[in-house]
Structure formats: C-alpha cells, structure tokens
N, C-alpha and C. Protein backbone atom coordinates (compact mmCIF):
# COMPACT_ATOMS: atom_id res chain seq x y z
N MET A 1 0.76 -1.05 -0.03
CA MET A 1 0.11 -0.02 -0.27
C MET A 1 0.75 1.18 0.00
N ILE A 2 0.52 2.19 -0.83
CA ILE A 2 1.39 3.58 -1.03
C ILE A 2 0.61 4.74 0.00
N TRP A 3 1.34 4.96 0.58
CA TRP A 3 0.82 6.21 1.78
C TRP A 3 1.85 7.52 1.82
N LEU A 4 1.37 8.48 1.99
CA LEU A 4 2.14 9.77 1.97
C LEU A 4 2.45 10.40 3.53
N LYS A 5 3.61 10.80 3.32
CA LYS A 5 3.84 11.75 4.89
C LYS A 5 4.30 13.10 4.44
N ASN A 6 3.58 14.05 5.11
CA ASN A 6 3.82 15.41 4.57
C ASN A 6 5.09 15.86 5.49
N PHE A 7 6.05 16.43 4.61
CA PHE A 7 7.41 16.82 5.18
C PHE A 7 7.28 17.41 6.62
N THR A 8 6.07 18.25 6.81
CA THR A 8 6.05 18.94 8.29
C THR A 8 6.01 18.06 9.13
N GLU A 9 5.52 16.63 9.03
CA GLU A 9 5.39 15.51 9.96
C GLU A 9 6.70 14.54 10.20
N LEU A 10 7.53 14.92 9.41
CA LEU A 10 8.96 14.03 9.39
C LEU A 10 9.64 13.95 10.73
N SER A 11 10.16 12.79 11.14
CA SER A 11 10.92 12.60 12.14
C SER A 11 12.55 13.20 11.58
N GLU A 12 13.32 13.40 12.61
CA GLU A 12 14.64 13.83 12.38
C GLU A 12 15.20 12.62 11.46
N ASP A 13 15.21 11.40 11.56
CA ASP A 13 15.61 10.32 10.91
C ASP A 13 15.04 10.28 9.15
N GLU A 14 13.71 10.61 9.09
CA GLU A 14 13.05 10.71 8.12
C GLU A 14 13.66 12.05 7.28
N ILE A 15 13.76 13.19 7.94
CA ILE A 15 14.40 14.36 7.18
C ILE A 15 15.91 14.01 6.60
N LYS A 16 16.72 13.12 7.47
CA LYS A 16 17.98 12.86 6.98
C LYS A 16 17.80 11.66 5.99
N ALA A 17 16.84 10.86 5.89
CA ALA A 17 16.68 9.92 4.86
C ALA A 17 16.36 10.84 3.19
N VAL A 18 15.35 11.78 3.63
CA VAL A 18 15.31 12.79 2.31
C VAL A 18 16.21 13.17 1.73
N TYR A 19 16.90 13.98 2.93
CA TYR A 19 17.97 14.38 2.17
C TYR A 19 19.19 13.46 1.44
N ARG A 20 19.28 12.49 1.95
CA ARG A 20 20.49 11.45 1.59
C ARG A 20 20.11 11.26 0.04
N ALA A 21 18.61 10.91 -0.01
CA ALA A 21 18.25 10.36 -1.23
C ALA A 21 18.16 11.61 -2.37
N ARG A 22 18.20 12.78 -1.82
CA ARG A 22 18.09 13.87 -3.00
C ARG A 22 19.19 14.30 -3.11
N MET A 23 20.33 14.36 -2.42
CA MET A 23 21.86 14.73 -2.76
C MET A 23 22.40 13.57 -3.28
N ASP A 24 22.09 12.46 -2.88
CA ASP A 24 22.67 11.21 -3.75
C ASP A 24 23.19 11.53 -5.15
N GLU A 25 24.29 11.43 -5.54
CA GLU A 25 25.04 11.76 -7.04
C GLU A 25 23.86 10.99 -7.98
N ARG A 26 23.15 9.83 -7.84
CA ARG A 26 22.42 9.30 -8.90
C ARG A 26 21.06 10.07 -9.08
N THR A 27 20.83 10.88 -7.92
CA THR A 27 19.65 11.97 -8.08
C THR A 27 20.23 13.25 -8.34
N ALA A 28 20.91 13.51 -7.34
CA ALA A 28 21.43 15.18 -7.65
C ALA A 28 22.04 15.62 -8.97
N ARG A 29 22.36 14.63 -9.92
CA ARG A 29 22.75 15.03 -11.14
C ARG A 29 21.74 15.49 -11.94
N PHE A 30 20.61 15.27 -11.60
CA PHE A 30 19.34 15.42 -12.65
C PHE A 30 18.58 16.74 -12.04
N CYS A 31 19.01 17.26 -11.01
CA CYS A 31 18.29 18.35 -10.28
C CYS A 31 18.91 19.75 -10.42
N LEU A 32 18.02 20.61 -10.60
CA LEU A 32 18.42 21.98 -10.89
C LEU A 32 18.97 22.67 -9.66
N THR A 33 18.99 22.09 -8.52
CA THR A 33 19.51 23.02 -7.33
C THR A 33 20.18 21.98 -6.30
N LYS A 34 21.46 22.53 -5.78
CA LYS A 34 21.78 21.61 -4.56
C LYS A 34 21.95 22.63 -3.40
N PHE A 35 22.18 21.96 -2.29
CA PHE A 35 21.85 22.49 -0.88
C PHE A 35 22.57 21.63 0.06
N ASP A 36 22.77 22.13 1.06
CA ASP A 36 23.48 21.65 2.21
C ASP A 36 22.28 20.86 3.36
N PHE A 37 22.67 20.26 4.38
CA PHE A 37 21.80 19.79 5.05
C PHE A 37 21.03 20.91 5.93
N ALA A 38 21.83 21.83 6.42
CA ALA A 38 21.13 22.88 7.33
C ALA A 38 20.12 23.92 6.38
N GLU A 39 20.52 23.74 5.09
CA GLU A 39 19.48 24.79 4.24
C GLU A 39 18.28 23.57 4.19
N HIS A 40 18.51 22.39 3.80
CA HIS A 40 17.48 21.51 3.96
C HIS A 40 16.51 21.61 4.94
N CYS A 41 16.99 21.41 6.21
CA CYS A 41 16.12 21.56 7.49
C CYS A 41 15.53 22.73 7.71
N LYS A 42 16.02 24.11 7.20
CA LYS A 42 15.51 25.20 7.33
C LYS A 42 14.34 25.31 6.27
N PHE A 43 14.50 24.51 5.08
CA PHE A 43 13.48 24.50 4.14
C PHE A 43 12.25 23.65 4.72
N VAL A 44 12.65 22.47 5.35
CA VAL A 44 11.34 21.68 5.76
C VAL A 44 10.73 22.18 6.78
N ASP A 45 11.26 23.04 7.64
CA ASP A 45 10.77 23.65 8.60
C ASP A 45 9.67 24.86 8.17
N SER A 46 10.24 25.48 7.00
CA SER A 46 9.36 26.66 6.55
C SER A 46 8.11 26.02 5.85
N LEU A 47 8.19 25.00 5.45
CA LEU A 47 7.08 24.09 5.01
C LEU A 47 5.75 24.25 5.69
N LYS A 48 5.99 24.37 7.16
CA LYS A 48 4.97 24.40 7.95
C LYS A 48 4.13 25.75 8.02
N SER A 49 4.40 26.88 7.41
CA SER A 49 3.89 27.92 7.48
C SER A 49 3.83 28.57 5.87
N ARG A 50 3.74 27.73 4.91
CA ARG A 50 3.86 27.98 3.74
C ARG A 50 2.41 27.21 2.83
N LYS A 51 1.91 28.18 2.10
CA LYS A 51 0.53 27.51 1.29
C LYS A 51 1.11 27.40 -0.08
N ASP A 52 2.32 27.54 -0.64
CA ASP A 52 2.46 27.73 -1.97
C ASP A 52 3.10 26.25 -2.35
N LYS A 53 3.58 25.14 -1.42
CA LYS A 53 4.36 24.35 -1.67
C LYS A 53 3.78 23.18 -0.82
N ILE A 54 3.78 21.91 -1.12
CA ILE A 54 3.43 20.83 -0.48
C ILE A 54 4.43 19.71 -0.78
N TYR A 55 4.92 19.19 0.30
CA TYR A 55 6.06 18.03 -0.11
C TYR A 55 5.70 16.76 0.64
N PHE A 56 5.91 15.65 0.08
CA PHE A 56 5.70 14.52 0.88
C PHE A 56 6.71 13.34 0.64
N MET A 57 6.88 12.73 1.60
CA MET A 57 7.66 11.25 1.63
C MET A 57 7.10 10.65 1.26
N VAL A 58 7.14 9.49 0.30
CA VAL A 58 6.12 8.21 -0.24
C VAL A 58 6.67 7.01 0.27
N TYR A 59 5.98 6.35 0.70
CA TYR A 59 6.19 4.78 1.47
C TYR A 59 5.28 4.05 0.57
N GLU A 60 5.89 2.94 0.31
CA GLU A 60 5.18 1.46 -0.06
C GLU A 60 5.18 0.54 1.29
N GLY A 61 4.04 0.52 2.17
CA GLY A 61 4.28 -0.11 3.31
C GLY A 61 5.20 0.70 4.33
N ASP A 62 6.31 0.07 4.91
CA ASP A 62 7.12 0.98 5.35
C ASP A 62 8.44 1.18 4.83
N VAL A 63 8.57 1.16 3.51
CA VAL A 63 9.62 1.18 2.80
C VAL A 63 9.63 2.78 2.08
N PHE A 64 10.67 3.55 2.23
CA PHE A 64 10.73 5.10 1.87
C PHE A 64 11.08 4.67 0.00
N ILE A 65 10.10 5.22 -0.60
CA ILE A 65 10.48 4.76 -2.17
C ILE A 65 10.82 6.12 -2.93
N GLY A 66 10.41 7.31 -2.19
CA GLY A 66 10.70 8.54 -3.02
C GLY A 66 10.02 9.85 -2.42
N SER A 67 10.06 10.91 -3.02
CA SER A 67 9.60 11.99 -2.42
C SER A 67 8.75 12.79 -3.66
N ILE A 68 7.75 13.34 -3.24
CA ILE A 68 6.92 14.19 -4.43
C ILE A 68 6.40 15.32 -4.00
N TYR A 69 6.45 16.36 -4.93
CA TYR A 69 6.04 17.82 -4.28
C TYR A 69 4.99 18.31 -5.33
N PHE A 70 4.16 19.28 -4.81
CA PHE A 70 3.56 20.28 -5.71
C PHE A 70 3.57 21.81 -5.18
N SER A 71 3.55 22.50 -6.33
CA SER A 71 3.87 23.87 -6.00
C SER A 71 3.48 24.81 -6.90
N ASP A 72 3.37 25.96 -6.85
CA ASP A 72 3.26 27.18 -7.77
C ASP A 72 1.48 27.00 -8.13
N PHE A 73 0.72 26.75 -7.37
CA PHE A 73 -0.82 26.41 -7.50
C PHE A 73 -1.17 28.22 -8.28
N ALA A 74 -1.82 27.84 -9.37
CA ALA A 74 -2.36 29.03 -10.01
C ALA A 74 -3.52 28.66 -11.07
N ASP A 75 -4.63 29.24 -11.30
CA ASP A 75 -5.53 28.96 -12.36
C ASP A 75 -6.00 27.54 -12.28
N GLY A 76 -5.87 26.75 -11.67
CA GLY A 76 -6.36 25.14 -11.42
C GLY A 76 -5.07 24.43 -11.58
N GLY A 77 -3.91 25.09 -11.94
CA GLY A 77 -2.72 23.89 -12.34
C GLY A 77 -1.76 23.97 -11.11
N ALA A 78 -0.79 23.29 -11.16
CA ALA A 78 0.27 23.07 -10.05
C ALA A 78 1.54 22.44 -11.00
N GLU A 79 2.71 22.77 -10.41
CA GLU A 79 3.78 22.22 -10.70
C GLU A 79 4.03 21.10 -9.61
N PHE A 80 4.74 19.89 -10.33
CA PHE A 80 5.12 18.88 -9.41
C PHE A 80 6.60 18.44 -9.64
N GLY A 81 7.04 17.65 -8.87
CA GLY A 81 8.24 16.98 -8.87
C GLY A 81 8.59 16.03 -8.14
N LEU A 82 9.38 15.17 -8.39
CA LEU A 82 9.82 13.91 -7.55
C LEU A 82 11.07 13.67 -7.76
N TYR A 83 11.36 12.72 -6.96
CA TYR A 83 12.51 11.84 -6.85
C TYR A 83 12.60 10.56 -6.29
N LYS A 84 13.15 9.54 -6.88
CA LYS A 84 12.97 8.32 -6.01
C LYS A 84 14.17 8.00 -5.06
N ASN A 85 13.90 6.94 -4.30
CA ASN A 85 14.93 6.71 -3.36
C ASN A 85 15.95 5.77 -4.39
N PRO A 86 17.27 6.32 -4.34
CA PRO A 86 18.16 5.83 -5.30
C PRO A 86 18.85 4.88 -4.96
N GLU A 87 18.01 4.07 -3.96
CA GLU A 87 18.57 2.40 -3.46
C GLU A 87 17.58 1.75 -4.12
N LEU A 88 16.45 2.09 -4.95
CA LEU A 88 15.37 1.30 -5.23
C LEU A 88 15.16 1.59 -6.86
N SER A 89 14.72 0.65 -7.53
CA SER A 89 14.34 0.72 -8.77
C SER A 89 12.94 0.45 -9.21
N ARG A 90 12.40 0.83 -10.35
CA ARG A 90 10.91 0.53 -10.73
C ARG A 90 10.05 0.97 -9.83
N VAL A 91 10.22 2.05 -9.20
CA VAL A 91 9.30 2.83 -8.38
C VAL A 91 8.53 4.08 -9.19
N GLY A 92 9.29 4.33 -10.36
CA GLY A 92 8.52 5.69 -11.04
C GLY A 92 7.11 5.70 -11.35
N ASP A 93 6.76 4.46 -11.70
CA ASP A 93 5.08 4.40 -12.01
C ASP A 93 4.25 4.58 -10.57
N LYS A 94 5.18 3.89 -9.55
CA LYS A 94 4.11 4.34 -8.51
C LYS A 94 4.17 5.56 -7.86
N LEU A 95 5.22 6.24 -8.28
CA LEU A 95 5.16 7.70 -7.74
C LEU A 95 4.41 8.54 -8.74
N MET A 96 4.43 8.23 -9.97
CA MET A 96 3.62 8.95 -10.99
C MET A 96 2.16 8.76 -10.65
N SER A 97 1.88 7.45 -10.18
CA SER A 97 0.34 7.26 -10.18
C SER A 97 -0.03 7.96 -8.98
N GLU A 98 0.90 8.10 -7.90
CA GLU A 98 0.33 8.83 -6.61
C GLU A 98 0.25 10.45 -6.83
N ILE A 99 1.02 10.79 -7.73
CA ILE A 99 1.08 12.30 -8.03
C ILE A 99 -0.36 12.61 -8.90
N LEU A 100 -0.65 11.97 -10.00
CA LEU A 100 -1.86 12.04 -10.55
C LEU A 100 -3.02 11.95 -9.49
N ARG A 101 -3.06 10.78 -8.65
CA ARG A 101 -4.02 10.59 -7.83
C ARG A 101 -4.41 11.65 -7.02
N TYR A 102 -3.22 12.41 -6.16
CA TYR A 102 -3.30 13.45 -5.25
C TYR A 102 -3.78 14.70 -6.01
N ALA A 103 -3.05 14.75 -7.19
CA ALA A 103 -3.14 16.16 -7.81
C ALA A 103 -4.84 16.27 -8.11
N LYS A 104 -5.28 15.35 -8.71
CA LYS A 104 -6.63 15.31 -9.10
C LYS A 104 -7.79 15.35 -8.08
N PHE A 105 -7.53 14.35 -7.09
CA PHE A 105 -8.58 14.11 -6.17
C PHE A 105 -8.56 14.74 -4.95
N GLU A 106 -7.23 15.13 -4.32
CA GLU A 106 -6.81 16.17 -3.19
C GLU A 106 -6.81 17.40 -3.24
N LEU A 107 -6.14 17.47 -4.49
CA LEU A 107 -5.94 19.05 -4.64
C LEU A 107 -6.88 19.61 -5.55
N GLY A 108 -7.53 18.97 -6.60
CA GLY A 108 -8.60 19.21 -7.56
C GLY A 108 -7.55 20.12 -8.51
N VAL A 109 -6.50 19.69 -8.82
CA VAL A 109 -5.92 20.37 -10.23
C VAL A 109 -6.27 19.85 -11.30
N ARG A 110 -6.38 20.71 -12.26
CA ARG A 110 -6.75 20.53 -13.61
C ARG A 110 -5.78 20.08 -14.91
N THR A 111 -4.48 20.97 -14.20
CA THR A 111 -3.24 20.81 -15.13
C THR A 111 -2.13 20.52 -14.27
N LEU A 112 -1.33 19.61 -14.76
CA LEU A 112 -0.07 19.64 -13.95
C LEU A 112 1.38 19.95 -14.86
N PHE A 113 2.10 20.65 -14.39
CA PHE A 113 3.33 21.14 -15.12
C PHE A 113 4.51 20.64 -14.42
N LEU A 114 5.53 20.34 -15.41
CA LEU A 114 6.92 20.07 -14.74
C LEU A 114 7.97 20.55 -15.52
N ARG A 115 9.26 20.49 -14.76
CA ARG A 115 10.41 21.05 -15.59
C ARG A 115 11.37 19.69 -15.41
N VAL A 116 12.13 19.49 -16.44
CA VAL A 116 13.05 18.24 -16.23
C VAL A 116 14.28 18.81 -17.07
N LEU A 117 15.39 18.19 -16.88
CA LEU A 117 16.49 18.66 -17.47
C LEU A 117 16.40 17.56 -18.74
N ALA A 118 16.82 18.03 -19.96
CA ALA A 118 16.87 17.44 -21.16
C ALA A 118 17.70 16.12 -20.90
N LYS A 119 18.82 16.01 -20.31
CA LYS A 119 19.62 14.89 -20.09
C LYS A 119 19.00 13.79 -19.25
N ASN A 120 18.04 14.01 -18.84
CA ASN A 120 17.32 13.00 -17.68
C ASN A 120 16.36 12.23 -18.78
N THR A 121 17.02 11.20 -19.37
CA THR A 121 16.03 10.48 -20.22
C THR A 121 15.04 9.62 -19.63
N PRO A 122 15.61 8.89 -18.53
CA PRO A 122 14.62 8.03 -18.01
C PRO A 122 13.24 8.92 -17.47
N ALA A 123 13.45 9.92 -16.85
CA ALA A 123 12.41 10.83 -16.52
C ALA A 123 11.40 11.24 -17.56
N LEU A 124 12.15 11.79 -18.50
CA LEU A 124 11.30 11.91 -20.17
C LEU A 124 10.44 10.99 -20.40
N ARG A 125 11.20 9.79 -20.48
CA ARG A 125 10.38 8.47 -20.97
C ARG A 125 9.18 8.31 -19.99
N LEU A 126 9.34 8.49 -18.65
CA LEU A 126 8.29 8.21 -17.59
C LEU A 126 7.12 9.18 -17.84
N TYR A 127 7.52 10.46 -18.02
CA TYR A 127 6.50 11.64 -18.32
C TYR A 127 5.66 11.27 -19.35
N GLU A 128 6.64 11.03 -20.54
CA GLU A 128 5.95 10.84 -21.76
C GLU A 128 4.94 9.91 -21.66
N LYS A 129 5.15 8.64 -21.11
CA LYS A 129 4.30 7.44 -20.89
C LYS A 129 3.15 7.75 -20.15
N TYR A 130 3.30 8.89 -19.14
CA TYR A 130 1.96 9.13 -18.67
C TYR A 130 1.20 10.29 -19.45
N GLY A 131 1.57 10.52 -20.43
CA GLY A 131 0.74 11.53 -21.34
C GLY A 131 1.17 13.02 -21.12
N PHE A 132 2.07 13.35 -20.56
CA PHE A 132 2.69 14.60 -20.43
C PHE A 132 3.33 15.34 -21.96
N THR A 133 3.16 16.45 -22.28
CA THR A 133 3.64 16.84 -23.70
C THR A 133 4.74 17.79 -23.48
N ARG A 134 5.58 17.94 -24.27
CA ARG A 134 6.79 19.10 -24.37
C ARG A 134 6.00 20.31 -24.75
N GLN A 135 6.27 21.41 -23.89
CA GLN A 135 5.75 22.72 -24.32
C GLN A 135 6.97 23.55 -24.80
N LYS A 136 8.10 23.32 -24.15
CA LYS A 136 9.21 24.17 -24.79
C LYS A 136 10.36 23.71 -24.25
N GLU A 137 11.64 24.06 -24.65
CA GLU A 137 12.89 23.62 -24.20
C GLU A 137 13.65 25.08 -24.00
N GLU A 138 14.31 25.21 -22.95
CA GLU A 138 15.02 26.62 -22.77
C GLU A 138 16.27 26.36 -21.70
N ASN A 139 17.36 26.39 -22.05
CA ASN A 139 18.54 26.15 -21.34
C ASN A 139 18.56 24.62 -20.71
N SER A 140 18.60 23.88 -21.79
CA SER A 140 18.63 22.38 -21.47
C SER A 140 17.62 22.09 -20.23
N VAL A 141 16.51 22.62 -20.12
CA VAL A 141 15.41 22.34 -19.30
C VAL A 141 14.10 22.35 -20.33
N ILE A 142 13.49 21.03 -20.17
CA ILE A 142 12.37 20.89 -20.87
C ILE A 142 10.96 21.10 -19.99
N TYR A 143 9.90 21.66 -20.53
CA TYR A 143 8.82 22.19 -19.88
C TYR A 143 7.79 21.33 -20.22
N MET A 144 6.77 20.69 -19.66
CA MET A 144 5.96 19.66 -19.92
C MET A 144 4.54 19.96 -19.38
N GLN A 145 3.70 19.42 -19.83
CA GLN A 145 2.08 19.51 -19.01
C GLN A 145 1.42 18.49 -19.46
N LYS A 146 0.32 18.12 -18.58
CA LYS A 146 -0.80 17.24 -18.76
C LYS A 146 -1.92 17.64 -18.37
N SER A 147 -3.02 17.80 -18.89
CA SER A 147 -4.58 18.12 -18.54
C SER A 147 -5.10 16.70 -17.59
N LEU A 148 -5.59 17.12 -16.66
CA LEU A 148 -6.03 15.92 -15.68
C LEU A 148 -7.63 15.94 -16.02
N VAL A 149 -8.37 16.70 -16.90
CA VAL A 149 -9.69 16.80 -17.24
C VAL A 149 -10.28 15.93 -18.38
C-alpha cells in the first residue's frame, strides 16, 4: 500500500533519509539545485507556514520509495516534481500514479506542469508514458504539461 507523509510531520531520521536520497549523486545530477543539510532543514521547517508548496515522503508499506511535491498553484494548475529513493528501482510508476491521484482528487488540480533536464532521459520517458507533452525547451530544461480533466 502506498501512503504519503507530509514533510511537516517527518521525524529527524526521515528528514535525513530524504536529504540523503535527494543529494545522492544518482539523484542530484538530474536536479536544478543543490543545498547543504542545514538549508534542507530550514526549508522543511518553512513548509509548516507555507501555502504555496506541499512536499511528501512516499512509502510503500514501511519502505521509503521517494518524494513528491506540488507547488506554484494557480488557475487550476500546479507544478510537481519527484525523486525516487536511489537505492530502489522500478518505483517511477508508483510515484507517478500517486502524483496523478493526489493532484486530481486531493488538490483538485486540472493541469500539471513540470520541468526536467533534457539529459534526464529516464524521467522524460516516464513523463511521456503518462501523457505529458513537451511545451518548450530552454537552457537544457524541458517544460511539460498534462491536463487531468
């Protein structure tokens, strides 16, 4: 069973696990930003008072499989992102299914947007598999979207 834990409710060990997954070179090489652990902790703490971003640790049973987030809510749309636990394989479909479910049924989002580095071909294949279409490419970043209605 897949379940979500809001970053605002994470234990210290979970905050460390999320940071390790995000900064692992297998993940970080495909991310637009890098940060140290203190910055990560400050960001997680800031989510308690923010309404423009929501981040989740994703579990399958008791196994941490990845993280998903939603941000930039406007006009019935939202941007999302994800990264998997780099120690696992074949969890992209589970993360995408949860993103689509949560966006549509919990957030009421009509359109999802994302940004992905052009060199991240595994992610591009995953997003295209789920019906996301390329809108533009700028500075090696591909912008994609999908209607949920």
